[in-house]
Amino acid sequence: MLFRSLYLAGTIVSGKSGYDPSNGDLVGSDTIVEEIRRLRADSSIKAIVLRIDSPGGSSVASDVIWRELAITKRQDPKRPIVASMSDLAASGGYYVALPADAIVAQPGTLTGSIGVFMGKVAIGGTLGKVGIKVETVKSGENADIYSPFAPFSPAQRTRLMAYMQAFYSTFVEKVASSRKQTPEQIHQLAQGRVWTGAQAKTRGLVDELGGLDTAIRMAKARANIAAEDDVELVTYPSRRTLYEELSERFSRSTASMGPFAGLLGQTGLGRVSAAVSPLEIFRRGEPLALMPGAWAATSVR
């Protein structure tokens, strides 16, 4: 009998999975959706174990993965999905676990962080200090809302808060539906708060404490497989070889710096990557379901 372990390790982003020199391993929604659809079409698979080690990331990408898992559960309710949380399954990492029939966490897992934030890195003042002046021509009042050359205006900040509140409310409602609680109850546990696995269990955010073995045991029970029966656990996406891992990391590091890569060297690349990482996290108009960070400009708390 086959069990599939769907492994989500890294920051959740739109597009393909991979590695980014600024933000580490990336869980791409396109890659995960392809795997979920492949699993859904394979009738030989008796259960799916969703292994999560992620601080979250893009709210859009998290929602895409959530939707594909929800479709899988709806189309084949007899095939259980069990989420197994590793060290970290917070914000978007918790969001993608919601379609599971059961959620398992380690006592020390960091989870919860039910909340979103948006922001941008405004560099207009810095440019002014070095004698660079930027002039903007726009066709609408908020056409430059995500421009890096000026901070948010009060009206733009109000608009973004309304946008974030709408997504936050949706997040809370999905948690409430999954955990059989009211949105009001979940709101008291949410607001960006981070819980350990043990705290999350007492508050009804997870079902059981334990590791991957516990999740597999629960999946076998829900799939009506005897505890003593052996199952073949296959991990997807497939592991990359050491050569593939090193090649991708090197190519992404150099490609992101373009013609400056050779001049900067490895030490310079690392410093520049660290400096520009906030710019890469704040994608245009996309709320982040990510554990609280130093660059949260506006947040729903």
Protein backbone atom coordinates (compact mmCIF):
# COMPACT_ATOMS: atom_id res chain seq x y z
CA MET A 1 0.00 0.00 0.00
CA LEU A 2 1.23 3.46 -0.89
CA PHE A 3 1.28 6.57 1.28
CA ARG A 4 2.44 9.84 -0.21
CA SER A 5 4.29 12.38 1.94
CA LEU A 6 3.92 15.83 0.40
CA TYR A 7 6.85 17.86 1.75
CA LEU A 8 6.53 21.64 2.13
CA ALA A 9 9.77 23.10 3.49
CA GLY A 10 10.58 26.78 3.07
CA THR A 11 8.91 30.11 2.36
CA ILE A 12 5.67 29.77 0.37
CA VAL A 13 5.75 31.68 -2.93
CA SER A 14 3.90 31.82 -6.23
CA GLY A 15 5.51 29.91 -9.09
CA LYS A 16 8.02 27.07 -8.94
CA SER A 17 9.80 25.65 -5.92
CA GLY A 18 13.52 26.28 -5.62
CA TYR A 19 16.09 28.20 -3.65
CA ASP A 20 16.63 31.92 -3.21
CA PRO A 21 19.90 33.31 -1.79
CA SER A 22 18.01 35.87 0.30
CA ASN A 23 15.12 33.79 1.61
CA GLY A 24 16.36 30.18 1.48
CA ASP A 25 14.24 27.27 0.26
CA LEU A 26 11.06 28.22 -1.58
CA VAL A 27 7.81 26.24 -1.71
CA GLY A 28 6.30 27.16 -5.08
CA SER A 29 2.53 26.90 -5.40
CA ASP A 30 2.78 25.76 -9.04
CA THR A 31 5.08 22.89 -8.10
CA ILE A 32 2.93 21.77 -5.16
CA VAL A 33 -0.33 22.00 -7.15
CA GLU A 34 1.18 19.79 -9.87
CA GLU A 35 2.11 17.20 -7.24
CA ILE A 36 -1.30 17.32 -5.55
CA ARG A 37 -3.08 16.79 -8.86
CA ARG A 38 -0.79 13.85 -9.62
CA LEU A 39 -1.57 12.33 -6.23
CA ARG A 40 -5.29 12.92 -6.67
CA ALA A 41 -5.30 11.03 -9.97
CA ASP A 42 -3.48 8.01 -8.53
CA SER A 43 -6.02 5.59 -7.06
CA SER A 44 -3.25 3.39 -5.59
CA ILE A 45 -2.47 6.05 -2.99
CA LYS A 46 -4.38 5.32 0.21
CA ALA A 47 -3.45 8.39 2.25
CA ILE A 48 -1.58 11.70 2.00
CA VAL A 49 0.68 12.99 4.76
CA LEU A 50 1.35 16.71 4.42
CA ARG A 51 4.70 17.44 6.07
CA ILE A 52 5.12 21.17 6.77
CA ASP A 53 8.21 23.11 7.85
CA SER A 54 7.40 26.67 6.79
CA PRO A 55 7.01 30.18 8.26
CA GLY A 56 4.40 30.91 5.57
CA GLY A 57 4.87 33.51 2.86
CA SER A 58 2.60 34.63 0.05
CA SER A 59 -1.07 34.65 1.04
CA VAL A 60 -2.03 34.10 -2.60
CA ALA A 61 0.24 31.06 -2.99
CA SER A 62 -0.94 29.65 0.36
CA ASP A 63 -4.55 29.99 -0.76
CA VAL A 64 -3.80 28.25 -4.07
CA ILE A 65 -2.30 25.26 -2.21
CA TRP A 66 -5.19 25.28 0.29
CA ARG A 67 -7.73 25.18 -2.57
CA GLU A 68 -6.05 22.22 -4.31
CA LEU A 69 -5.95 20.22 -1.07
CA ALA A 70 -9.60 21.11 -0.38
CA ILE A 71 -10.57 19.85 -3.86
CA THR A 72 -8.66 16.62 -3.21
CA LYS A 73 -10.45 16.10 0.09
CA ARG A 74 -13.86 16.85 -1.43
CA GLN A 75 -13.41 14.54 -4.43
CA ASP A 76 -12.14 11.59 -2.42
CA PRO A 77 -13.21 11.95 1.25
CA LYS A 78 -12.25 8.32 1.97
CA ARG A 79 -8.57 9.05 1.30
CA PRO A 80 -7.32 10.79 4.47
CA ILE A 81 -5.05 13.82 4.53
CA VAL A 82 -3.03 14.25 7.73
CA ALA A 83 -0.84 17.32 8.30
CA SER A 84 2.41 16.77 10.18
CA MET A 85 4.13 19.92 11.46
CA SER A 86 7.88 19.96 11.87
CA ASP A 87 9.75 22.78 13.65
CA LEU A 88 7.67 25.52 12.03
CA ALA A 89 4.18 25.70 10.50
CA ALA A 90 3.05 29.26 11.01
CA SER A 91 0.80 31.72 9.19
CA GLY A 92 0.69 30.48 5.57
CA GLY A 93 2.27 27.25 6.85
CA TYR A 94 -0.75 26.79 9.13
CA TYR A 95 -3.16 27.95 6.40
CA VAL A 96 -2.21 25.08 4.06
CA ALA A 97 -2.79 22.53 6.85
CA LEU A 98 -6.46 23.49 7.24
CA PRO A 99 -7.94 21.04 4.67
CA ALA A 100 -6.36 18.10 6.51
CA ASP A 101 -8.55 15.61 8.37
CA ALA A 102 -6.16 15.89 11.31
CA ILE A 103 -3.22 18.11 12.27
CA VAL A 104 -0.24 16.75 14.22
CA ALA A 105 2.42 19.01 15.77
CA GLN A 106 5.47 18.54 17.94
CA PRO A 107 5.14 20.08 21.44
CA GLY A 108 7.75 22.67 20.46
CA THR A 109 6.50 23.39 16.96
CA LEU A 110 5.95 27.10 16.30
CA THR A 111 2.52 27.46 14.71
CA GLY A 112 -0.49 29.75 14.59
CA SER A 113 0.53 33.29 13.58
CA ILE A 114 -2.92 33.68 12.00
CA GLY A 115 -2.60 37.12 10.48
CA VAL A 116 -1.38 39.05 7.46
CA PHE A 117 0.67 42.14 6.73
CA MET A 118 1.65 44.23 3.74
CA GLY A 119 4.30 46.81 3.11
CA LYS A 120 6.96 48.17 0.85
CA VAL A 121 10.50 49.44 1.19
CA ALA A 122 10.45 53.19 0.47
CA ILE A 123 13.85 54.33 -0.78
CA GLY A 124 12.98 57.87 -1.89
CA GLY A 125 14.64 59.49 1.12
CA THR A 126 17.81 57.45 0.66
CA LEU A 127 18.04 58.41 -3.01
CA GLY A 128 17.62 62.06 -2.07
CA LYS A 129 20.61 61.85 0.26
CA VAL A 130 22.84 60.80 -2.62
CA GLY A 131 21.51 63.47 -4.97
CA ILE A 132 19.03 61.39 -6.95
CA LYS A 133 15.64 63.00 -7.54
CA VAL A 134 12.70 60.93 -8.80
CA GLU A 135 9.61 62.44 -10.40
CA THR A 136 6.46 60.36 -10.93
CA VAL A 137 3.82 60.77 -13.62
CA LYS A 138 0.65 58.82 -12.82
CA SER A 139 -2.83 58.37 -14.26
CA GLY A 140 -4.76 57.85 -11.01
CA GLU A 141 -4.67 58.84 -7.36
CA ASN A 142 -3.31 55.47 -6.23
CA ALA A 143 -1.44 54.43 -9.37
CA ASP A 144 1.85 54.75 -7.44
CA ILE A 145 0.62 53.02 -4.29
CA TYR A 146 3.40 50.39 -4.47
CA SER A 147 6.08 52.73 -5.78
CA PRO A 148 9.31 52.43 -3.77
CA PHE A 149 10.01 56.13 -4.19
CA ALA A 150 7.44 57.44 -1.67
CA PRO A 151 5.79 56.21 1.55
CA PHE A 152 2.09 55.35 1.70
CA SER A 153 -0.24 58.33 1.96
CA PRO A 154 -2.88 58.22 4.73
CA ALA A 155 -5.57 57.39 2.13
CA GLN A 156 -3.45 54.58 0.68
CA ARG A 157 -2.77 53.17 4.13
CA THR A 158 -6.52 53.10 4.83
CA ARG A 159 -7.14 51.30 1.54
CA LEU A 160 -4.47 48.68 2.30
CA MET A 161 -5.85 48.13 5.80
CA ALA A 162 -9.28 47.36 4.32
CA TYR A 163 -7.68 44.93 1.85
CA MET A 164 -5.75 43.16 4.60
CA GLN A 165 -8.78 43.03 6.88
CA ALA A 166 -10.76 41.25 4.17
CA PHE A 167 -8.07 38.58 3.76
CA TYR A 168 -7.60 38.27 7.51
CA SER A 169 -11.34 37.69 7.97
CA THR A 170 -11.24 34.97 5.29
CA PHE A 171 -8.25 33.35 7.03
CA VAL A 172 -10.08 33.34 10.38
CA GLU A 173 -13.27 31.91 8.82
CA LYS A 174 -11.34 29.06 7.19
CA VAL A 175 -9.64 28.22 10.47
CA ALA A 176 -12.98 28.33 12.28
CA SER A 177 -14.57 25.98 9.73
CA SER A 178 -11.63 23.55 9.89
CA ARG A 179 -11.35 23.55 13.68
CA LYS A 180 -15.10 23.50 14.41
CA GLN A 181 -15.03 26.80 16.26
CA THR A 182 -16.63 30.20 15.70
CA PRO A 183 -14.78 33.04 13.96
CA GLU A 184 -14.99 35.00 17.22
CA GLN A 185 -13.22 32.20 19.10
CA ILE A 186 -10.50 31.94 16.46
CA HIS A 187 -10.01 35.72 16.38
CA GLN A 188 -9.10 35.57 20.08
CA LEU A 189 -6.37 33.03 19.19
CA ALA A 190 -5.28 34.78 16.01
CA GLN A 191 -4.19 38.41 15.59
CA GLY A 192 -0.70 37.24 14.61
CA ARG A 193 -0.05 35.33 17.86
CA VAL A 194 2.47 32.48 17.66
CA TRP A 195 1.85 29.32 19.72
CA THR A 196 3.88 26.24 20.50
CA GLY A 197 2.41 22.93 19.41
CA ALA A 198 1.47 22.13 23.02
CA GLN A 199 -0.30 25.49 23.41
CA ALA A 200 -2.01 25.07 20.05
CA LYS A 201 -3.40 21.68 21.08
CA THR A 202 -4.97 23.03 24.28
CA ARG A 203 -6.58 25.76 22.17
CA GLY A 204 -7.92 23.40 19.54
CA LEU A 205 -5.65 24.51 16.69
CA VAL A 206 -4.07 21.05 16.34
CA ASP A 207 -5.40 17.57 17.08
CA GLU A 208 -2.45 15.56 18.34
CA LEU A 209 1.11 15.96 19.57
CA GLY A 210 3.81 13.89 17.93
CA GLY A 211 6.07 13.54 14.94
CA LEU A 212 5.83 12.06 11.47
CA ASP A 213 5.34 8.54 12.88
CA THR A 214 2.27 9.74 14.77
CA ALA A 215 0.86 11.29 11.59
CA ILE A 216 1.42 8.07 9.65
CA ARG A 217 -0.25 6.04 12.41
CA MET A 218 -3.29 8.33 12.32
CA ALA A 219 -3.41 8.19 8.52
CA LYS A 220 -3.36 4.38 8.61
CA ALA A 221 -6.20 4.31 11.11
CA ARG A 222 -8.30 6.71 9.02
CA ALA A 223 -7.57 4.66 5.88
CA ASN A 224 -8.69 1.47 7.70
CA ILE A 225 -5.21 -0.05 7.50
CA ALA A 226 -4.12 -2.26 10.38
CA ALA A 227 -1.47 -0.68 12.61
CA GLU A 228 0.89 -3.64 12.07
CA ASP A 229 0.65 -3.50 8.26
CA ASP A 230 3.61 -2.01 6.42
CA VAL A 231 3.08 0.88 4.05
CA GLU A 232 5.43 2.35 1.47
CA LEU A 233 6.01 6.05 2.16
CA VAL A 234 7.10 7.99 -0.92
CA THR A 235 8.11 11.66 -0.56
CA TYR A 236 7.10 14.29 -3.13
CA PRO A 237 8.43 16.50 -4.60
CA SER A 238 11.39 14.16 -5.10
CA ARG A 239 14.61 15.08 -3.36
CA ARG A 240 17.16 16.94 -5.44
CA THR A 241 20.66 15.53 -5.73
CA LEU A 242 23.57 17.34 -4.10
CA TYR A 243 24.75 18.45 -7.55
CA GLU A 244 21.31 19.87 -8.42
CA GLU A 245 21.10 21.66 -5.08
CA LEU A 246 24.51 23.29 -5.37
CA SER A 247 24.02 24.19 -9.04
CA GLU A 248 20.68 25.87 -8.38
CA ARG A 249 21.94 27.84 -5.41
CA PHE A 250 24.96 29.09 -7.32
CA SER A 251 23.02 29.97 -10.46
CA ARG A 252 20.31 31.85 -8.54
CA SER A 253 22.88 33.78 -6.53
CA THR A 254 24.74 34.95 -9.61
CA ALA A 255 21.64 35.53 -11.74
CA SER A 256 20.02 37.75 -9.13
CA MET A 257 23.05 40.07 -9.14
CA GLY A 258 23.39 40.06 -12.95
CA PRO A 259 26.65 41.61 -14.23
CA PHE A 260 27.73 42.60 -10.69
CA ALA A 261 28.13 38.99 -9.52
CA GLY A 262 31.72 38.65 -10.69
CA LEU A 263 32.71 41.97 -9.15
CA LEU A 264 31.11 41.35 -5.77
CA GLY A 265 32.46 37.89 -4.99
CA GLN A 266 30.75 35.48 -2.61
CA THR A 267 31.07 37.76 0.44
CA GLY A 268 29.67 40.72 -1.46
CA LEU A 269 26.85 38.62 -2.91
CA GLY A 270 25.78 37.56 0.57
CA ARG A 271 25.76 41.13 1.87
CA VAL A 272 23.83 42.51 -1.09
CA SER A 273 21.33 39.62 -0.97
CA ALA A 274 20.65 40.33 2.70
CA ALA A 275 20.13 44.00 1.92
CA VAL A 276 17.61 43.44 -0.89
CA SER A 277 15.67 40.55 0.69
CA PRO A 278 12.87 42.84 1.98
CA LEU A 279 12.34 44.07 -1.59
CA GLU A 280 11.84 40.49 -2.76
CA ILE A 281 9.43 39.60 0.05
CA PHE A 282 7.10 42.54 -0.57
CA ARG A 283 5.64 41.66 -3.95
CA ARG A 284 3.31 44.19 -5.55
CA GLY A 285 -0.10 44.19 -3.91
CA GLU A 286 0.25 40.81 -2.23
CA PRO A 287 -0.59 40.37 1.48
CA LEU A 288 1.87 38.15 3.30
CA ALA A 289 0.77 35.31 5.56
CA LEU A 290 4.20 35.15 7.20
CA MET A 291 5.52 35.06 10.74
CA PRO A 292 6.11 38.58 12.08
CA GLY A 293 9.27 40.13 10.65
CA ALA A 294 11.26 43.31 11.10
CA TRP A 295 9.96 44.76 7.84
CA ALA A 296 6.18 44.70 8.60
CA ALA A 297 5.10 48.20 7.58
CA THR A 298 1.37 47.74 8.19
CA SER A 299 -0.27 44.79 9.91
CA VAL A 300 -3.55 43.33 11.11
CA ARG A 301 -3.01 42.51 14.77
